[in-house]
C-alpha atoms as a PDB file:
ATOM      1  CA  MET A   1       0.003   0.081  -0.277  1.00  0.00           C
ATOM      2  CA  LYS A   2       2.995   2.121   0.642  1.00  0.00           C
ATOM      3  CA  LYS A   3       4.153   1.668  -2.921  1.00  0.00           C
ATOM      4  CA  ILE A   4       0.202   2.691  -4.319  1.00  0.00           C
ATOM      5  CA  PHE A   5       0.841   6.121  -2.006  1.00  0.00           C
ATOM      6  CA  PHE A   6       4.404   6.944  -3.378  1.00  0.00           C
ATOM      7  CA  VAL A   7       2.934   6.044  -7.021  1.00  0.00           C
ATOM      8  CA  LEU A   8      -0.052   8.703  -6.329  1.00  0.00           C
ATOM      9  CA  PHE A   9       1.949  11.213  -5.263  1.00  0.00           C
ATOM     10  CA  ASN A  10       4.167  11.132  -8.053  1.00  0.00           C
ATOM     11  CA  LEU A  11       1.313  11.187 -10.445  1.00  0.00           C
ATOM     12  CA  VAL A  12      -0.308  13.983  -8.741  1.00  0.00           C
ATOM     13  CA  LEU A  13       3.321  15.912  -8.367  1.00  0.00           C
ATOM     14  CA  LEU A  14       4.755  15.459 -11.900  1.00  0.00           C
ATOM     15  CA  SER A  15       1.087  15.566 -13.530  1.00  0.00           C
ATOM     16  CA  SER A  16       1.551  18.993 -15.393  1.00  0.00           C
ATOM     17  CA  CYS A  17      -1.785  21.003 -17.206  1.00  0.00           C
ATOM     18  CA  SER A  18      -2.655  23.147 -19.275  1.00  0.00           C
ATOM     19  CA  ASN A  19      -5.944  24.922 -20.395  1.00  0.00           C
ATOM     20  CA  ASP A  20      -6.898  27.504 -23.135  1.00  0.00           C
ATOM     21  CA  ASP A  21      -6.002  30.131 -21.192  1.00  0.00           C
ATOM     22  CA  GLY A  22      -2.807  29.612 -21.455  1.00  0.00           C
ATOM     23  CA  LEU A  23      -2.462  29.114 -17.767  1.00  0.00           C
ATOM     24  CA  ASP A  24      -0.361  26.481 -16.554  1.00  0.00           C
ATOM     25  CA  TYR A  25      -0.703  24.735 -13.571  1.00  0.00           C
ATOM     26  CA  HIS A  26       0.365  21.467 -11.820  1.00  0.00           C
ATOM     27  CA  TYR A  27      -0.894  19.492  -8.681  1.00  0.00           C
ATOM     28  CA  GLU A  28       1.536  19.038  -5.439  1.00  0.00           C
ATOM     29  CA  LEU A  29       0.829  17.583  -2.234  1.00  0.00           C
ATOM     30  CA  LEU A  30       1.383  19.848   0.973  1.00  0.00           C
ATOM     31  CA  ALA A  31       2.286  18.865   4.511  1.00  0.00           C
ATOM     32  CA  VAL A  32       0.227  18.656   7.221  1.00  0.00           C
ATOM     33  CA  GLU A  33       1.204  20.762  10.331  1.00  0.00           C
ATOM     34  CA  ASN A  34      -1.224  19.535  12.098  1.00  0.00           C
ATOM     35  CA  ALA A  35      -4.776  17.606  12.710  1.00  0.00           C
ATOM     36  CA  ILE A  36      -7.643  18.060  15.082  1.00  0.00           C
ATOM     37  CA  VAL A  37      -9.498  14.937  15.993  1.00  0.00           C
ATOM     38  CA  PRO A  38     -12.095  13.268  18.353  1.00  0.00           C
ATOM     39  CA  ASP A  39     -11.164  11.313  21.141  1.00  0.00           C
ATOM     40  CA  GLU A  40     -12.733   8.304  19.989  1.00  0.00           C
ATOM     41  CA  PHE A  41     -15.438   7.522  17.386  1.00  0.00           C
ATOM     42  CA  GLU A  42     -19.149   6.042  18.253  1.00  0.00           C
ATOM     43  CA  PHE A  43     -19.423   3.170  15.416  1.00  0.00           C
ATOM     44  CA  GLY A  44     -21.970   4.450  13.070  1.00  0.00           C
ATOM     45  CA  LYS A  45     -21.427   8.083  13.204  1.00  0.00           C
ATOM     46  CA  ILE A  46     -20.092  11.158  11.594  1.00  0.00           C
ATOM     47  CA  TYR A  47     -17.576  13.123  12.772  1.00  0.00           C
ATOM     48  CA  ASN A  48     -15.809  16.230  11.485  1.00  0.00           C
ATOM     49  CA  ILE A  49     -11.686  16.072  10.817  1.00  0.00           C
ATOM     50  CA  THR A  50     -10.051  19.456  10.908  1.00  0.00           C
ATOM     51  CA  VAL A  51      -6.739  19.662   8.799  1.00  0.00           C
ATOM     52  CA  LYS A  52      -3.773  21.946   9.343  1.00  0.00           C
ATOM     53  CA  TYR A  53      -1.349  22.942   6.492  1.00  0.00           C
ATOM     54  CA  LEU A  54       1.217  25.642   5.527  1.00  0.00           C
ATOM     55  CA  VAL A  55       0.554  27.549   2.107  1.00  0.00           C
ATOM     56  CA  PRO A  56       4.138  28.698   0.972  1.00  0.00           C
ATOM     57  CA  ASP A  57       2.985  31.312  -1.663  1.00  0.00           C
ATOM     58  CA  ASP A  58      -0.424  32.772  -3.299  1.00  0.00           C
ATOM     59  CA  CYS A  59       0.134  30.404  -6.350  1.00  0.00           C
ATOM     60  CA  TYR A  60      -0.827  27.304  -3.713  1.00  0.00           C
ATOM     61  CA  VAL A  61      -4.584  26.940  -4.442  1.00  0.00           C
ATOM     62  CA  TYR A  62      -6.910  24.214  -2.128  1.00  0.00           C
ATOM     63  CA  SER A  63      -7.928  21.257  -4.451  1.00  0.00           C
ATOM     64  CA  ASP A  64      -8.927  18.024  -2.843  1.00  0.00           C
ATOM     65  CA  VAL A  65      -8.020  15.969   0.369  1.00  0.00           C
ATOM     66  CA  LEU A  66      -6.163  12.932  -0.820  1.00  0.00           C
ATOM     67  CA  TYR A  67      -7.868   9.622   1.423  1.00  0.00           C
ATOM     68  CA  GLU A  68      -6.730   6.729   0.747  1.00  0.00           C
ATOM     69  CA  TYR A  69      -7.382   3.288   2.776  1.00  0.00           C
ATOM     70  CA  ASP A  70      -4.754   1.064   4.072  1.00  0.00           C
ATOM     71  CA  SER A  71      -5.971  -1.736   5.928  1.00  0.00           C
ATOM     72  CA  ASP A  72      -7.134   0.197   9.524  1.00  0.00           C
ATOM     73  CA  ALA A  73      -5.028   3.103   8.686  1.00  0.00           C
ATOM     74  CA  ARG A  74      -6.329   5.875   6.481  1.00  0.00           C
ATOM     75  CA  ASN A  75      -3.098   8.020   4.656  1.00  0.00           C
ATOM     76  CA  ILE A  76      -4.468  11.449   4.272  1.00  0.00           C
ATOM     77  CA  ALA A  77      -2.773  14.508   2.333  1.00  0.00           C
ATOM     78  CA  VAL A  78      -3.669  17.633   0.997  1.00  0.00           C
ATOM     79  CA  ILE A  79      -3.649  18.336  -2.466  1.00  0.00           C
ATOM     80  CA  SER A  80      -3.181  21.674  -4.200  1.00  0.00           C
ATOM     81  CA  THR A  81      -3.365  23.441  -7.567  1.00  0.00           C
ATOM     82  CA  VAL A  82      -0.343  25.332  -8.043  1.00  0.00           C
ATOM     83  CA  ILE A  83      -0.240  28.122 -10.919  1.00  0.00           C
ATOM     84  CA  ASP A  84       3.043  27.918 -12.551  1.00  0.00           C
ATOM     85  CA  ASP A  85       3.693  31.704 -12.134  1.00  0.00           C
ATOM     86  CA  LYS A  86       7.526  33.858 -11.854  1.00  0.00           C
ATOM     87  CA  SER A  87       5.811  36.133  -9.706  1.00  0.00           C
ATOM     88  CA  CYS A  88       4.169  34.502  -6.568  1.00  0.00           C
ATOM     89  CA  ALA A  89       3.844  35.924  -3.369  1.00  0.00           C
ATOM     90  CA  VAL A  90       5.564  34.313  -0.338  1.00  0.00           C
ATOM     91  CA  LEU A  91       2.587  34.028   2.278  1.00  0.00           C
ATOM     92  CA  ASP A  92       3.981  31.030   4.587  1.00  0.00           C
ATOM     93  CA  PHE A  93       0.126  31.045   6.418  1.00  0.00           C
ATOM     94  CA  GLU A  94      -1.473  27.946   7.855  1.00  0.00           C
ATOM     95  CA  ASP A  95      -4.286  27.253   6.535  1.00  0.00           C
ATOM     96  CA  GLU A  96      -6.987  24.978   7.841  1.00  0.00           C
ATOM     97  CA  LEU A  97      -9.808  22.468   5.823  1.00  0.00           C
ATOM     98  CA  ASN A  98     -12.178  19.786   7.438  1.00  0.00           C
ATOM     99  CA  PHE A  99     -13.784  16.561   6.024  1.00  0.00           C
ATOM    100  CA  ASN A 100     -15.742  14.005   7.549  1.00  0.00           C
ATOM    101  CA  ILE A 101     -15.481  10.645   8.260  1.00  0.00           C
ATOM    102  CA  GLN A 102     -18.106   7.824   9.127  1.00  0.00           C
ATOM    103  CA  ALA A 103     -16.765   5.043  11.895  1.00  0.00           C
ATOM    104  CA  LEU A 104     -17.768   1.868  10.058  1.00  0.00           C
ATOM    105  CA  GLN A 105     -15.095  -0.439  11.500  1.00  0.00           C
ATOM    106  CA  ASN A 106     -14.945  -2.067  14.973  1.00  0.00           C
ATOM    107  CA  SER A 107     -11.195  -1.583  15.216  1.00  0.00           C
ATOM    108  CA  PRO A 108      -8.858   1.589  15.794  1.00  0.00           C
ATOM    109  CA  TYR A 109      -8.837   4.350  13.292  1.00  0.00           C
ATOM    110  CA  ILE A 110      -4.892   4.941  13.185  1.00  0.00           C
ATOM    111  CA  LEU A 111      -5.088   8.225  10.528  1.00  0.00           C
ATOM    112  CA  LYS A 112      -1.802   9.149   8.994  1.00  0.00           C
ATOM    113  CA  PHE A 113      -1.474  12.414   7.907  1.00  0.00           C
ATOM    114  CA  TRP A 114       1.479  13.101   5.272  1.00  0.00           C
ATOM    115  CA  GLN A 115       4.487  15.592   6.432  1.00  0.00           C
ATOM    116  CA  GLY A 116       6.494  15.471   3.679  1.00  0.00           C
ATOM    117  CA  ASP A 117       9.520  12.932   2.776  1.00  0.00           C
ATOM    118  CA  ASP A 118      12.593  12.292   4.672  1.00  0.00           C
ATOM    119  CA  GLU A 119      16.237  12.482   2.872  1.00  0.00           C
ATOM    120  CA  ASN A 120      15.520   8.492   1.448  1.00  0.00           C
ATOM    121  CA  GLY A 121      12.393   9.746   0.021  1.00  0.00           C
ATOM    122  CA  ASP A 122       9.714   7.499   2.784  1.00  0.00           C
ATOM    123  CA  PRO A 123       7.093   9.040   3.987  1.00  0.00           C
ATOM    124  CA  ILE A 124       6.815  10.851   7.489  1.00  0.00           C
ATOM    125  CA  TYR A 125       3.309  11.075   9.090  1.00  0.00           C
ATOM    126  CA  LEU A 126       1.445  13.070  11.867  1.00  0.00           C
ATOM    127  CA  ILE A 127      -0.126   9.140  13.290  1.00  0.00           C
ATOM    128  CA  LYS A 128      -3.151   9.984  15.402  1.00  0.00           C
ATOM    129  CA  GLU A 129      -5.186   6.328  16.733  1.00  0.00           C
ATOM    130  CA  VAL A 130      -8.727   6.975  17.810  1.00  0.00           C
ATOM    131  CA  PRO A 131     -10.612   3.967  19.115  1.00  0.00           C
ATOM    132  CA  VAL A 132     -13.882   2.699  18.376  1.00  0.00           C
ATOM    133  CA  VAL A 133     -16.855   2.156  20.435  1.00  0.00           C
ATOM    134  CA  ASN A 134     -19.313   0.113  19.453  1.00  0.00           C
ATOM    135  CA  GLU A 135     -22.096  -0.491  22.441  1.00  0.00           C
ATOM    136  CA  ASN A 136     -24.635  -1.702  20.828  1.00  0.00           C
ATOM    137  CA  ASN A 137     -22.141  -4.088  18.557  1.00  0.00           C
ATOM    138  CA  LEU A 138     -23.609  -3.508  15.549  1.00  0.00           C
ATOM    139  CA  SER A 139     -21.418  -4.061  12.422  1.00  0.00           C
ATOM    140  CA  ALA A 140     -21.237  -2.325   9.297  1.00  0.00           C
ATOM    141  CA  ASN A 141     -23.823  -4.526   7.018  1.00  0.00           C
ATOM    142  CA  GLU A 142     -26.029  -3.789  10.350  1.00  0.00           C
ATOM    143  CA  PHE A 143     -26.232   0.028  10.967  1.00  0.00           C
ATOM    144  CA  ARG A 144     -28.723   1.539   8.094  1.00  0.00           C
ATOM    145  CA  PRO A 145     -30.335  -0.854   6.230  1.00  0.00           C
ATOM    146  CA  THR A 146     -30.523   0.366   2.437  1.00  0.00           C
ATOM    147  CA  HIS A 147     -32.477  -1.917   0.650  1.00  0.00           C
ATOM    148  CA  LYS A 148     -35.970  -3.198   1.634  1.00  0.00           C
ATOM    149  CA  LYS A 149     -36.940  -6.772   0.395  1.00  0.00           C
ATOM    150  CA  MET A 150     -38.829  -6.698  -2.886  1.00  0.00           C
ATOM    151  CA  GLN A 151     -42.851  -8.284  -2.418  1.00  0.00           C
ATOM    152  CA  GLU A 152     -43.433 -10.894  -4.827  1.00  0.00           C
END
């Protein structure tokens, strides 16, 4: 799974685009500075996750969240569109984004927020482990019925 993350990272990093307006841009992952997560998840409920990341200059525009499944772990990174322009003003300010996670596994969630790569090119993660409380002992299939039995 680690290799898949690197392949995705390299594709995002190296993909370069151009549109009809003559505006050139590419995508980059931005390192997560901090993440705010609940102390625990209750099975079946939806939780808000806050991610704080550093924006280097005004050519970086938030694009999306990379959210990759890796067994009980979730690899999370901030995807930014970078406008290829030589006149970008240095900002170095911390921005934040929010996204939701629905707790649908009984084992703890291991949230791995990408913080960059080390000198060997291996990813560095801010790791937060969130236990799951399941007082009703439900499973993902039992939590919310989505289909009714068809009558003959």
